[in-house]
C-alpha atoms as a PDB file:
ATOM      1  CA  UNK A   1      30.922 -11.250  -3.800  1.00  0.00           C
ATOM      2  CA  UNK A   2      29.787  -9.140  -0.855  1.00  0.00           C
ATOM      3  CA  UNK A   3      27.036 -10.491   1.425  1.00  0.00           C
ATOM      4  CA  UNK A   4      23.747  -8.621   1.059  1.00  0.00           C
ATOM      5  CA  UNK A   5      24.033  -6.995   4.491  1.00  0.00           C
ATOM      6  CA  UNK A   6      27.567  -5.843   3.707  1.00  0.00           C
ATOM      7  CA  UNK A   7      26.354  -4.289   0.452  1.00  0.00           C
ATOM      8  CA  UNK A   8      23.580  -2.471   2.290  1.00  0.00           C
ATOM      9  CA  UNK A   9      26.049  -1.094   4.824  1.00  0.00           C
ATOM     10  CA  UNK A  10      28.344   0.108   2.050  1.00  0.00           C
ATOM     11  CA  UNK A  11      25.452   1.816   0.256  1.00  0.00           C
ATOM     12  CA  UNK A  12      24.257   3.430   3.467  1.00  0.00           C
ATOM     13  CA  UNK A  13      27.769   4.669   4.248  1.00  0.00           C
ATOM     14  CA  UNK A  14      28.144   6.080   0.729  1.00  0.00           C
ATOM     15  CA  UNK A  15      24.780   7.841   0.903  1.00  0.00           C
ATOM     16  CA  UNK A  16      25.602   9.274   4.328  1.00  0.00           C
ATOM     17  CA  UNK A  17      28.835  10.649   2.897  1.00  0.00           C
ATOM     18  CA  UNK A  18      26.962  12.259  -0.014  1.00  0.00           C
ATOM     19  CA  UNK A  19      24.473  13.797   2.401  1.00  0.00           C
ATOM     20  CA  UNK A  20      27.264  15.165   4.590  1.00  0.00           C
ATOM     21  CA  UNK A  21      28.917  16.661   1.530  1.00  0.00           C
ATOM     22  CA  UNK A  22      25.721  18.582   0.745  1.00  0.00           C
ATOM     23  CA  UNK A  23      24.869  16.623  -2.395  1.00  0.00           C
ATOM     24  CA  UNK A  24      21.316  15.868  -1.215  1.00  0.00           C
ATOM     25  CA  UNK A  25      20.636  19.572  -0.592  1.00  0.00           C
ATOM     26  CA  UNK A  26      21.954  20.536  -4.025  1.00  0.00           C
ATOM     27  CA  UNK A  27      19.850  17.838  -5.698  1.00  0.00           C
ATOM     28  CA  UNK A  28      16.581  18.699  -3.971  1.00  0.00           C
ATOM     29  CA  UNK A  29      16.930  22.377  -4.904  1.00  0.00           C
ATOM     30  CA  UNK A  30      17.888  21.616  -8.493  1.00  0.00           C
ATOM     31  CA  UNK A  31      15.835  22.672 -11.491  1.00  0.00           C
ATOM     32  CA  UNK A  32      15.678  18.986 -12.467  1.00  0.00           C
ATOM     33  CA  UNK A  33      13.979  18.037  -9.184  1.00  0.00           C
ATOM     34  CA  UNK A  34      11.618  21.041  -9.291  1.00  0.00           C
ATOM     35  CA  UNK A  35      10.018  19.659 -12.440  1.00  0.00           C
ATOM     36  CA  UNK A  36       9.384  16.265 -10.859  1.00  0.00           C
ATOM     37  CA  UNK A  37       6.834  14.959  -8.369  1.00  0.00           C
ATOM     38  CA  UNK A  38       7.630  12.234  -5.871  1.00  0.00           C
ATOM     39  CA  UNK A  39       4.535  10.161  -5.062  1.00  0.00           C
ATOM     40  CA  UNK A  40       5.330   7.998  -2.051  1.00  0.00           C
ATOM     41  CA  UNK A  41       3.436   4.736  -1.623  1.00  0.00           C
ATOM     42  CA  UNK A  42       2.650   2.962   1.651  1.00  0.00           C
ATOM     43  CA  UNK A  43       0.417   0.020   2.499  1.00  0.00           C
ATOM     44  CA  UNK A  44       0.392  -0.804   6.198  1.00  0.00           C
ATOM     45  CA  UNK A  45       1.666   0.361   9.591  1.00  0.00           C
ATOM     46  CA  UNK A  46       2.316  -2.607  11.847  1.00  0.00           C
ATOM     47  CA  UNK A  47      -0.080  -3.322  14.666  1.00  0.00           C
ATOM     48  CA  UNK A  48       2.170  -6.185  15.774  1.00  0.00           C
ATOM     49  CA  UNK A  49       4.891  -7.908  13.734  1.00  0.00           C
ATOM     50  CA  UNK A  50       3.639  -7.418  10.174  1.00  0.00           C
ATOM     51  CA  UNK A  51       6.853  -5.573   9.206  1.00  0.00           C
ATOM     52  CA  UNK A  52       8.830  -8.709  10.067  1.00  0.00           C
ATOM     53  CA  UNK A  53       6.473 -10.831   7.980  1.00  0.00           C
ATOM     54  CA  UNK A  54       6.212  -8.640   4.850  1.00  0.00           C
ATOM     55  CA  UNK A  55       8.784  -5.829   5.145  1.00  0.00           C
ATOM     56  CA  UNK A  56       7.993  -4.541   1.659  1.00  0.00           C
ATOM     57  CA  UNK A  57       4.353  -3.898   2.577  1.00  0.00           C
ATOM     58  CA  UNK A  58       4.489  -2.922   6.246  1.00  0.00           C
ATOM     59  CA  UNK A  59       6.584  -0.477   8.224  1.00  0.00           C
ATOM     60  CA  UNK A  60       6.457   0.304  11.925  1.00  0.00           C
ATOM     61  CA  UNK A  61       4.614   3.411  13.151  1.00  0.00           C
ATOM     62  CA  UNK A  62       7.961   4.608  14.516  1.00  0.00           C
ATOM     63  CA  UNK A  63       9.520   4.340  11.050  1.00  0.00           C
ATOM     64  CA  UNK A  64       6.632   6.288   9.497  1.00  0.00           C
ATOM     65  CA  UNK A  65       7.004   8.962  12.175  1.00  0.00           C
ATOM     66  CA  UNK A  66      10.688   9.172  11.256  1.00  0.00           C
ATOM     67  CA  UNK A  67       9.781   9.591   7.572  1.00  0.00           C
ATOM     68  CA  UNK A  68       7.375  12.435   8.353  1.00  0.00           C
ATOM     69  CA  UNK A  69      10.020  14.141  10.497  1.00  0.00           C
ATOM     70  CA  UNK A  70      12.521  13.723   7.663  1.00  0.00           C
ATOM     71  CA  UNK A  71      10.169  15.387   5.163  1.00  0.00           C
ATOM     72  CA  UNK A  72       9.775  18.336   7.507  1.00  0.00           C
ATOM     73  CA  UNK A  73      13.536  18.620   8.082  1.00  0.00           C
ATOM     74  CA  UNK A  74      14.148  18.559   4.329  1.00  0.00           C
ATOM     75  CA  UNK A  75      11.512  21.298   3.814  1.00  0.00           C
ATOM     76  CA  UNK A  76       9.653  19.074   1.374  1.00  0.00           C
ATOM     77  CA  UNK A  77       6.470  20.543  -0.095  1.00  0.00           C
ATOM     78  CA  UNK A  78       3.972  17.829   0.834  1.00  0.00           C
ATOM     79  CA  UNK A  79       0.954  18.535  -1.371  1.00  0.00           C
ATOM     80  CA  UNK A  80      -2.568  17.125  -1.724  1.00  0.00           C
ATOM     81  CA  UNK A  81      -2.743  14.773  -4.698  1.00  0.00           C
ATOM     82  CA  UNK A  82      -5.205  16.940  -6.642  1.00  0.00           C
ATOM     83  CA  UNK A  83      -3.104  20.086  -6.256  1.00  0.00           C
ATOM     84  CA  UNK A  84       0.164  18.278  -6.916  1.00  0.00           C
ATOM     85  CA  UNK A  85      -1.065  16.831 -10.209  1.00  0.00           C
ATOM     86  CA  UNK A  86      -2.512  20.166 -11.345  1.00  0.00           C
ATOM     87  CA  UNK A  87       0.803  21.876 -10.592  1.00  0.00           C
ATOM     88  CA  UNK A  88       2.780  19.075 -12.219  1.00  0.00           C
ATOM     89  CA  UNK A  89       0.812  19.424 -15.448  1.00  0.00           C
ATOM     90  CA  UNK A  90       0.970  23.237 -15.358  1.00  0.00           C
ATOM     91  CA  UNK A  91       4.725  23.111 -14.630  1.00  0.00           C
ATOM     92  CA  UNK A  92       4.354  25.080 -11.378  1.00  0.00           C
ATOM     93  CA  UNK A  93       5.551  22.617  -8.733  1.00  0.00           C
ATOM     94  CA  UNK A  94       7.289  24.026  -5.681  1.00  0.00           C
ATOM     95  CA  UNK A  95      10.718  22.807  -4.631  1.00  0.00           C
ATOM     96  CA  UNK A  96      10.955  19.178  -3.448  1.00  0.00           C
ATOM     97  CA  UNK A  97       7.318  18.304  -4.145  1.00  0.00           C
ATOM     98  CA  UNK A  98       5.974  15.145  -2.495  1.00  0.00           C
ATOM     99  CA  UNK A  99       2.593  13.377  -2.285  1.00  0.00           C
ATOM    100  CA  UNK A 100       1.790  10.774   0.383  1.00  0.00           C
ATOM    101  CA  UNK A 101      -0.440   7.844  -0.607  1.00  0.00           C
ATOM    102  CA  UNK A 102      -1.643   4.724   1.200  1.00  0.00           C
ATOM    103  CA  UNK A 103      -3.176   1.747  -0.602  1.00  0.00           C
ATOM    104  CA  UNK A 104      -6.041  -0.532   0.441  1.00  0.00           C
ATOM    105  CA  UNK A 105      -7.328   1.107   3.641  1.00  0.00           C
ATOM    106  CA  UNK A 106      -6.205  -1.115   6.482  1.00  0.00           C
ATOM    107  CA  UNK A 107      -7.404  -0.284   9.992  1.00  0.00           C
ATOM    108  CA  UNK A 108      -3.782   0.315  11.002  1.00  0.00           C
ATOM    109  CA  UNK A 109      -3.784   3.490   8.866  1.00  0.00           C
ATOM    110  CA  UNK A 110      -6.512   5.006  11.058  1.00  0.00           C
ATOM    111  CA  UNK A 111      -4.866   3.756  14.250  1.00  0.00           C
ATOM    112  CA  UNK A 112      -1.346   5.003  13.558  1.00  0.00           C
ATOM    113  CA  UNK A 113      -1.178   7.046  10.359  1.00  0.00           C
ATOM    114  CA  UNK A 114      -4.087   9.465  10.658  1.00  0.00           C
ATOM    115  CA  UNK A 115      -3.149  10.854  14.114  1.00  0.00           C
ATOM    116  CA  UNK A 116       0.413  11.550  12.985  1.00  0.00           C
ATOM    117  CA  UNK A 117      -0.723  13.187   9.751  1.00  0.00           C
ATOM    118  CA  UNK A 118      -3.247  15.275  11.683  1.00  0.00           C
ATOM    119  CA  UNK A 119      -0.526  16.467  14.057  1.00  0.00           C
ATOM    120  CA  UNK A 120       1.779  17.528  11.221  1.00  0.00           C
ATOM    121  CA  UNK A 121      -0.894  18.865   8.895  1.00  0.00           C
ATOM    122  CA  UNK A 122       0.466  16.805   6.003  1.00  0.00           C
ATOM    123  CA  UNK A 123      -2.173  15.875   3.402  1.00  0.00           C
ATOM    124  CA  UNK A 124      -2.514  12.258   2.322  1.00  0.00           C
ATOM    125  CA  UNK A 125      -4.534  10.222  -0.176  1.00  0.00           C
ATOM    126  CA  UNK A 126      -5.979   6.833   0.737  1.00  0.00           C
ATOM    127  CA  UNK A 127      -6.775   4.567  -2.225  1.00  0.00           C
ATOM    128  CA  UNK A 128      -9.578   2.546  -0.652  1.00  0.00           C
ATOM    129  CA  UNK A 129     -10.875  -0.886  -1.616  1.00  0.00           C
ATOM    130  CA  UNK A 130     -14.409  -1.208  -0.305  1.00  0.00           C
ATOM    131  CA  UNK A 131     -15.687  -4.818  -0.489  1.00  0.00           C
ATOM    132  CA  UNK A 132     -14.425  -5.760   2.976  1.00  0.00           C
ATOM    133  CA  UNK A 133     -15.578  -2.468   4.473  1.00  0.00           C
ATOM    134  CA  UNK A 134     -18.737  -3.859   6.073  1.00  0.00           C
ATOM    135  CA  UNK A 135     -17.245  -7.262   6.790  1.00  0.00           C
ATOM    136  CA  UNK A 136     -15.302  -7.333  10.048  1.00  0.00           C
ATOM    137  CA  UNK A 137     -12.995 -10.086   8.866  1.00  0.00           C
ATOM    138  CA  UNK A 138      -9.316  -9.905   7.956  1.00  0.00           C
ATOM    139  CA  UNK A 139      -8.520 -10.288   4.250  1.00  0.00           C
ATOM    140  CA  UNK A 140      -8.336 -14.029   3.592  1.00  0.00           C
ATOM    141  CA  UNK A 141      -5.338 -14.368   1.243  1.00  0.00           C
ATOM    142  CA  UNK A 142      -3.112 -12.088   3.340  1.00  0.00           C
ATOM    143  CA  UNK A 143      -4.194 -13.686   6.599  1.00  0.00           C
ATOM    144  CA  UNK A 144      -3.487 -17.187   5.287  1.00  0.00           C
ATOM    145  CA  UNK A 145       0.078 -16.215   4.445  1.00  0.00           C
ATOM    146  CA  UNK A 146       0.479 -14.521   7.829  1.00  0.00           C
ATOM    147  CA  UNK A 147      -0.820 -17.598   9.692  1.00  0.00           C
ATOM    148  CA  UNK A 148       1.627 -19.872   7.868  1.00  0.00           C
ATOM    149  CA  UNK A 149       4.499 -17.470   8.612  1.00  0.00           C
ATOM    150  CA  UNK A 150       3.435 -16.943  12.235  1.00  0.00           C
ATOM    151  CA  UNK A 151       3.396 -20.686  12.888  1.00  0.00           C
ATOM    152  CA  UNK A 152       7.204 -20.720  12.434  1.00  0.00           C
ATOM    153  CA  UNK A 153       6.826 -24.202  10.944  1.00  0.00           C
ATOM    154  CA  UNK A 154       8.956 -25.477   8.079  1.00  0.00           C
ATOM    155  CA  UNK A 155       6.063 -27.429   6.540  1.00  0.00           C
ATOM    156  CA  UNK A 156       2.303 -27.637   6.856  1.00  0.00           C
ATOM    157  CA  UNK A 157      -0.300 -30.292   6.080  1.00  0.00           C
ATOM    158  CA  UNK A 158      -3.952 -29.215   6.047  1.00  0.00           C
ATOM    159  CA  UNK A 159      -5.917 -32.034   4.388  1.00  0.00           C
ATOM    160  CA  UNK A 160      -9.336 -30.575   5.234  1.00  0.00           C
ATOM    161  CA  UNK A 161      -8.340 -27.416   3.366  1.00  0.00           C
ATOM    162  CA  UNK A 162      -6.827 -28.831   0.191  1.00  0.00           C
ATOM    163  CA  UNK A 163      -3.225 -29.421   1.349  1.00  0.00           C
ATOM    164  CA  UNK A 164      -3.066 -33.225   1.511  1.00  0.00           C
ATOM    165  CA  UNK A 165       0.683 -33.702   2.002  1.00  0.00           C
ATOM    166  CA  UNK A 166       3.396 -31.862   3.909  1.00  0.00           C
ATOM    167  CA  UNK A 167       4.185 -28.670   1.972  1.00  0.00           C
ATOM    168  CA  UNK A 168       7.156 -26.370   2.628  1.00  0.00           C
ATOM    169  CA  UNK A 169       6.211 -22.917   3.961  1.00  0.00           C
ATOM    170  CA  UNK A 170       9.596 -21.459   4.864  1.00  0.00           C
ATOM    171  CA  UNK A 171       9.685 -18.830   2.119  1.00  0.00           C
ATOM    172  CA  UNK A 172       7.133 -16.402   0.753  1.00  0.00           C
ATOM    173  CA  UNK A 173       7.005 -18.253  -2.581  1.00  0.00           C
ATOM    174  CA  UNK A 174       6.410 -21.573  -0.805  1.00  0.00           C
ATOM    175  CA  UNK A 175       3.665 -20.089   1.362  1.00  0.00           C
ATOM    176  CA  UNK A 176       1.958 -18.516  -1.631  1.00  0.00           C
ATOM    177  CA  UNK A 177       1.742 -21.903  -3.302  1.00  0.00           C
ATOM    178  CA  UNK A 178      -0.019 -23.256  -0.222  1.00  0.00           C
ATOM    179  CA  UNK A 179      -2.273 -20.181  -0.027  1.00  0.00           C
ATOM    180  CA  UNK A 180      -3.369 -20.679  -3.634  1.00  0.00           C
ATOM    181  CA  UNK A 181      -4.154 -24.332  -2.906  1.00  0.00           C
ATOM    182  CA  UNK A 182      -6.269 -23.452   0.113  1.00  0.00           C
ATOM    183  CA  UNK A 183      -8.168 -20.696  -1.686  1.00  0.00           C
ATOM    184  CA  UNK A 184      -8.801 -22.953  -4.676  1.00  0.00           C
ATOM    185  CA  UNK A 185     -10.317 -25.501  -2.298  1.00  0.00           C
ATOM    186  CA  UNK A 186     -12.385 -22.767  -0.591  1.00  0.00           C
ATOM    187  CA  UNK A 187     -13.728 -21.497  -3.921  1.00  0.00           C
ATOM    188  CA  UNK A 188     -14.596 -25.040  -5.002  1.00  0.00           C
ATOM    189  CA  UNK A 189     -16.678 -25.318  -1.819  1.00  0.00           C
ATOM    190  CA  UNK A 190     -18.327 -21.978  -2.579  1.00  0.00           C
ATOM    191  CA  UNK A 191     -17.282 -20.477   0.755  1.00  0.00           C
ATOM    192  CA  UNK A 192     -18.624 -16.997   1.502  1.00  0.00           C
ATOM    193  CA  UNK A 193     -16.562 -14.304   3.229  1.00  0.00           C
ATOM    194  CA  UNK A 194     -17.938 -15.546   6.562  1.00  0.00           C
ATOM    195  CA  UNK A 195     -17.168 -19.116   5.549  1.00  0.00           C
ATOM    196  CA  UNK A 196     -13.584 -18.175   4.771  1.00  0.00           C
ATOM    197  CA  UNK A 197     -13.332 -16.569   8.204  1.00  0.00           C
ATOM    198  CA  UNK A 198     -14.310 -19.883   9.789  1.00  0.00           C
ATOM    199  CA  UNK A 199     -11.720 -21.553   7.558  1.00  0.00           C
ATOM    200  CA  UNK A 200      -9.048 -19.121   8.808  1.00  0.00           C
ATOM    201  CA  UNK A 201      -9.993 -19.834  12.398  1.00  0.00           C
ATOM    202  CA  UNK A 202      -9.709 -23.585  11.789  1.00  0.00           C
ATOM    203  CA  UNK A 203      -6.325 -23.270  10.076  1.00  0.00           C
ATOM    204  CA  UNK A 204      -4.998 -20.991  12.815  1.00  0.00           C
ATOM    205  CA  UNK A 205      -5.971 -23.566  15.437  1.00  0.00           C
ATOM    206  CA  UNK A 206      -4.215 -26.332  13.508  1.00  0.00           C
ATOM    207  CA  UNK A 207      -1.096 -24.200  13.151  1.00  0.00           C
ATOM    208  CA  UNK A 208      -1.094 -23.140  16.804  1.00  0.00           C
ATOM    209  CA  UNK A 209      -1.668 -19.423  16.084  1.00  0.00           C
ATOM    210  CA  UNK A 210      -3.969 -17.237  18.194  1.00  0.00           C
ATOM    211  CA  UNK A 211      -6.579 -16.134  15.633  1.00  0.00           C
ATOM    212  CA  UNK A 212      -8.645 -14.215  18.184  1.00  0.00           C
ATOM    213  CA  UNK A 213      -5.650 -11.976  18.897  1.00  0.00           C
ATOM    214  CA  UNK A 214      -5.512 -11.117  15.183  1.00  0.00           C
ATOM    215  CA  UNK A 215      -9.211 -10.209  15.239  1.00  0.00           C
ATOM    216  CA  UNK A 216      -8.898  -8.207  18.459  1.00  0.00           C
ATOM    217  CA  UNK A 217      -6.037  -6.125  17.028  1.00  0.00           C
ATOM    218  CA  UNK A 218      -7.922  -5.651  13.713  1.00  0.00           C
ATOM    219  CA  UNK A 219      -4.851  -6.895  11.853  1.00  0.00           C
ATOM    220  CA  UNK A 220      -5.154  -7.113   8.037  1.00  0.00           C
ATOM    221  CA  UNK A 221      -8.662  -5.695   8.355  1.00  0.00           C
ATOM    222  CA  UNK A 222     -10.142  -2.974   6.120  1.00  0.00           C
ATOM    223  CA  UNK A 223     -11.714   0.139   7.640  1.00  0.00           C
ATOM    224  CA  UNK A 224     -15.420  -0.100   8.433  1.00  0.00           C
ATOM    225  CA  UNK A 225     -17.883   2.350   6.895  1.00  0.00           C
ATOM    226  CA  UNK A 226     -17.945   4.356  10.121  1.00  0.00           C
ATOM    227  CA  UNK A 227     -14.156   4.433  10.196  1.00  0.00           C
ATOM    228  CA  UNK A 228     -13.993   5.620   6.581  1.00  0.00           C
ATOM    229  CA  UNK A 229     -16.270   8.529   7.544  1.00  0.00           C
ATOM    230  CA  UNK A 230     -13.993   9.318  10.501  1.00  0.00           C
ATOM    231  CA  UNK A 231     -10.886   9.109   8.310  1.00  0.00           C
ATOM    232  CA  UNK A 232     -12.372  11.482   5.728  1.00  0.00           C
ATOM    233  CA  UNK A 233     -13.482  13.933   8.423  1.00  0.00           C
ATOM    234  CA  UNK A 234      -9.899  14.099   9.627  1.00  0.00           C
ATOM    235  CA  UNK A 235      -8.816  15.405   6.247  1.00  0.00           C
ATOM    236  CA  UNK A 236      -7.732  12.265   4.412  1.00  0.00           C
ATOM    237  CA  UNK A 237      -8.510  12.274   0.677  1.00  0.00           C
ATOM    238  CA  UNK A 238     -10.312   9.007  -0.217  1.00  0.00           C
ATOM    239  CA  UNK A 239      -9.836   7.794  -3.798  1.00  0.00           C
ATOM    240  CA  UNK A 240     -10.475   4.737  -6.001  1.00  0.00           C
ATOM    241  CA  UNK A 241      -8.810   1.313  -5.676  1.00  0.00           C
ATOM    242  CA  UNK A 242     -11.588  -0.975  -7.080  1.00  0.00           C
ATOM    243  CA  UNK A 243     -14.334  -2.518  -4.956  1.00  0.00           C
ATOM    244  CA  UNK A 244     -12.966  -6.068  -4.717  1.00  0.00           C
ATOM    245  CA  UNK A 245      -9.239  -5.335  -5.220  1.00  0.00           C
ATOM    246  CA  UNK A 246      -9.159  -6.905  -8.666  1.00  0.00           C
ATOM    247  CA  UNK A 247      -8.788  -5.824 -12.282  1.00  0.00           C
ATOM    248  CA  UNK A 248     -11.099  -7.910 -14.529  1.00  0.00           C
ATOM    249  CA  UNK A 249     -10.103  -8.169 -18.174  1.00  0.00           C
ATOM    250  CA  UNK A 250     -13.799  -7.972 -19.077  1.00  0.00           C
ATOM    251  CA  UNK A 251     -14.884  -4.371 -19.691  1.00  0.00           C
ATOM    252  CA  UNK A 252     -18.313  -4.725 -18.071  1.00  0.00           C
ATOM    253  CA  UNK A 253     -16.852  -6.249 -14.904  1.00  0.00           C
ATOM    254  CA  UNK A 254     -14.013  -3.721 -14.876  1.00  0.00           C
ATOM    255  CA  UNK A 255     -16.394  -0.768 -15.071  1.00  0.00           C
ATOM    256  CA  UNK A 256     -18.545  -2.340 -12.345  1.00  0.00           C
ATOM    257  CA  UNK A 257     -15.488  -2.477 -10.057  1.00  0.00           C
ATOM    258  CA  UNK A 258     -14.956   1.271 -10.476  1.00  0.00           C
ATOM    259  CA  UNK A 259     -18.648   2.172 -10.172  1.00  0.00           C
ATOM    260  CA  UNK A 260     -19.177   0.046  -7.045  1.00  0.00           C
ATOM    261  CA  UNK A 261     -16.009   1.461  -5.497  1.00  0.00           C
ATOM    262  CA  UNK A 262     -17.009   5.043  -6.308  1.00  0.00           C
ATOM    263  CA  UNK A 263     -20.570   4.608  -5.036  1.00  0.00           C
ATOM    264  CA  UNK A 264     -19.347   3.404  -1.640  1.00  0.00           C
ATOM    265  CA  UNK A 265     -16.830   6.232  -1.285  1.00  0.00           C
ATOM    266  CA  UNK A 266     -19.285   8.863  -2.507  1.00  0.00           C
ATOM    267  CA  UNK A 267     -21.953   7.743  -0.058  1.00  0.00           C
ATOM    268  CA  UNK A 268     -19.561   7.963   2.893  1.00  0.00           C
ATOM    269  CA  UNK A 269     -17.579  11.094   2.026  1.00  0.00           C
ATOM    270  CA  UNK A 270     -19.997  13.136  -0.070  1.00  0.00           C
ATOM    271  CA  UNK A 271     -17.239  13.565  -2.658  1.00  0.00           C
ATOM    272  CA  UNK A 272     -16.794  12.021  -6.095  1.00  0.00           C
ATOM    273  CA  UNK A 273     -13.392  10.273  -6.365  1.00  0.00           C
ATOM    274  CA  UNK A 274     -11.682  10.649  -9.752  1.00  0.00           C
ATOM    275  CA  UNK A 275      -8.162   9.406  -9.003  1.00  0.00           C
ATOM    276  CA  UNK A 276      -7.313   5.724  -9.151  1.00  0.00           C
ATOM    277  CA  UNK A 277      -4.614   3.278  -8.079  1.00  0.00           C
ATOM    278  CA  UNK A 278      -4.121  -0.087  -9.806  1.00  0.00           C
ATOM    279  CA  UNK A 279      -4.570  -2.943  -7.271  1.00  0.00           C
ATOM    280  CA  UNK A 280      -1.253  -4.742  -6.756  1.00  0.00           C
ATOM    281  CA  UNK A 281       0.167  -2.489  -9.471  1.00  0.00           C
ATOM    282  CA  UNK A 282      -1.418  -4.621 -12.202  1.00  0.00           C
ATOM    283  CA  UNK A 283      -2.315  -2.629 -15.290  1.00  0.00           C
ATOM    284  CA  UNK A 284      -2.803  -2.923 -19.014  1.00  0.00           C
ATOM    285  CA  UNK A 285      -3.217  -0.262 -21.688  1.00  0.00           C
ATOM    286  CA  UNK A 286      -6.488  -2.019 -22.499  1.00  0.00           C
ATOM    287  CA  UNK A 287      -7.813  -0.457 -19.265  1.00  0.00           C
ATOM    288  CA  UNK A 288      -7.150   3.149 -20.333  1.00  0.00           C
ATOM    289  CA  UNK A 289     -10.345   3.783 -22.349  1.00  0.00           C
ATOM    290  CA  UNK A 290     -12.369   2.029 -19.646  1.00  0.00           C
ATOM    291  CA  UNK A 291     -10.898   4.286 -16.961  1.00  0.00           C
ATOM    292  CA  UNK A 292     -11.573   7.320 -19.137  1.00  0.00           C
ATOM    293  CA  UNK A 293     -15.160   6.137 -19.602  1.00  0.00           C
ATOM    294  CA  UNK A 294     -15.453   6.049 -15.799  1.00  0.00           C
ATOM    295  CA  UNK A 295     -14.226   9.632 -15.483  1.00  0.00           C
ATOM    296  CA  UNK A 296     -10.879   8.702 -13.949  1.00  0.00           C
ATOM    297  CA  UNK A 297      -8.443  11.614 -14.247  1.00  0.00           C
ATOM    298  CA  UNK A 298      -5.252   9.946 -13.014  1.00  0.00           C
ATOM    299  CA  UNK A 299      -3.987   6.483 -12.121  1.00  0.00           C
ATOM    300  CA  UNK A 300      -0.919   5.552 -10.107  1.00  0.00           C
ATOM    301  CA  UNK A 301       1.175   2.429 -10.534  1.00  0.00           C
ATOM    302  CA  UNK A 302       3.862   0.665  -8.519  1.00  0.00           C
ATOM    303  CA  UNK A 303       6.449   1.522 -11.188  1.00  0.00           C
ATOM    304  CA  UNK A 304       9.340   3.199  -9.411  1.00  0.00           C
ATOM    305  CA  UNK A 305      10.181   6.750 -10.425  1.00  0.00           C
ATOM    306  CA  UNK A 306       9.317  10.447 -10.258  1.00  0.00           C
ATOM    307  CA  UNK A 307       6.366  11.785 -12.229  1.00  0.00           C
ATOM    308  CA  UNK A 308       7.025  14.452 -14.849  1.00  0.00           C
ATOM    309  CA  UNK A 309       4.846  16.653 -16.994  1.00  0.00           C
ATOM    310  CA  UNK A 310       5.343  14.114 -19.788  1.00  0.00           C
ATOM    311  CA  UNK A 311       4.196  11.151 -17.674  1.00  0.00           C
ATOM    312  CA  UNK A 312       1.071   9.379 -18.892  1.00  0.00           C
ATOM    313  CA  UNK A 313      -1.734  10.476 -16.568  1.00  0.00           C
ATOM    314  CA  UNK A 314      -2.937   6.874 -16.290  1.00  0.00           C
ATOM    315  CA  UNK A 315       0.556   5.484 -15.633  1.00  0.00           C
ATOM    316  CA  UNK A 316       1.960   7.705 -12.911  1.00  0.00           C
ATOM    317  CA  UNK A 317       5.024   6.231 -11.178  1.00  0.00           C
ATOM    318  CA  UNK A 318       5.425   6.058  -7.403  1.00  0.00           C
ATOM    319  CA  UNK A 319       8.131   5.057  -4.974  1.00  0.00           C
ATOM    320  CA  UNK A 320       7.243   2.335  -2.454  1.00  0.00           C
ATOM    321  CA  UNK A 321       8.701   3.073   0.969  1.00  0.00           C
ATOM    322  CA  UNK A 322       9.298  -0.014   3.092  1.00  0.00           C
ATOM    323  CA  UNK A 323      11.051  -1.518   6.085  1.00  0.00           C
ATOM    324  CA  UNK A 324      14.211  -2.372   4.149  1.00  0.00           C
ATOM    325  CA  UNK A 325      14.816   1.275   3.155  1.00  0.00           C
ATOM    326  CA  UNK A 326      17.065   3.023   5.659  1.00  0.00           C
ATOM    327  CA  UNK A 327      16.951   6.755   6.384  1.00  0.00           C
ATOM    328  CA  UNK A 328      19.851   7.827   4.099  1.00  0.00           C
ATOM    329  CA  UNK A 329      18.233   5.965   1.211  1.00  0.00           C
ATOM    330  CA  UNK A 330      14.879   7.602   1.939  1.00  0.00           C
ATOM    331  CA  UNK A 331      16.515  11.039   2.041  1.00  0.00           C
ATOM    332  CA  UNK A 332      18.222  10.346  -1.271  1.00  0.00           C
ATOM    333  CA  UNK A 333      14.850   9.457  -2.818  1.00  0.00           C
ATOM    334  CA  UNK A 334      13.222  12.660  -1.527  1.00  0.00           C
ATOM    335  CA  UNK A 335      16.102  14.712  -2.906  1.00  0.00           C
ATOM    336  CA  UNK A 336      15.604  13.013  -6.276  1.00  0.00           C
ATOM    337  CA  UNK A 337      19.000  11.339  -6.485  1.00  0.00           C
ATOM    338  CA  UNK A 338      17.967   7.694  -6.381  1.00  0.00           C
ATOM    339  CA  UNK A 339      14.239   7.517  -7.017  1.00  0.00           C
END
């Protein structure tokens, strides 16, 4: 058995050889690729070390800049989501069609992503969750995991927050178990968003992590209302991602999520969002008539693949780009070889 790093090096070498042989260029100009749309998915651009913490969710600004440069070098047709979907369904896509999407609406997108996109003129869609928009606190569940990781401790005991005995926190799965325990305790106490912020501050102090530095950098923080307006004015397309980043199985609550989300976006941008992204990629066919009732025209998933004319409009695949994807692999995805 090859070690994982050795396998990655072999794959990268093989892909580089294919690129040098012109296979990528042939693939991206193929009739097969012309009938397919690559929707790229991003979440966050590191303000500090988030890409080391969760490499599948965060990439460095330098890596994103490299991706944008790569798209330009490959002459990719980077299209607005609305236009791309219309051309996909009318079978009139240009060669090497790509759409850029970001989920959630972290402050880091405005800090690092928007200026780069403005410089290149590339369109981009931001699927925005809006509950935290007017609450200048980092998102609790993500921040808890980050604090545990940042502590560099092998175990943690937080009896005042529901963790009564030493619990392992070395892996993501172990940390998530602790996070769930803490949040269960917080919900039992009926903590508000502000109350959870005080909880995060207390836990950070116990773990020896500088919580104020996290606040000062706006890490894991959603754009404010004013920042959403600024982002939209700079040409970013703002679309639906639910208000509270959740997908209730109850129809009334589900529809409320969409309506609350839309109302916030509409008030700030003056536009009515009709495209949707499932939070955390969680979906069920039970949601389809509810989305249709809400006037949603498309919905993207986290299912890996290229969209075709035959793709279900409420189950559009995307490709998540992340810190573990090297440049040859990214180029192969854009060309359509290994999406």
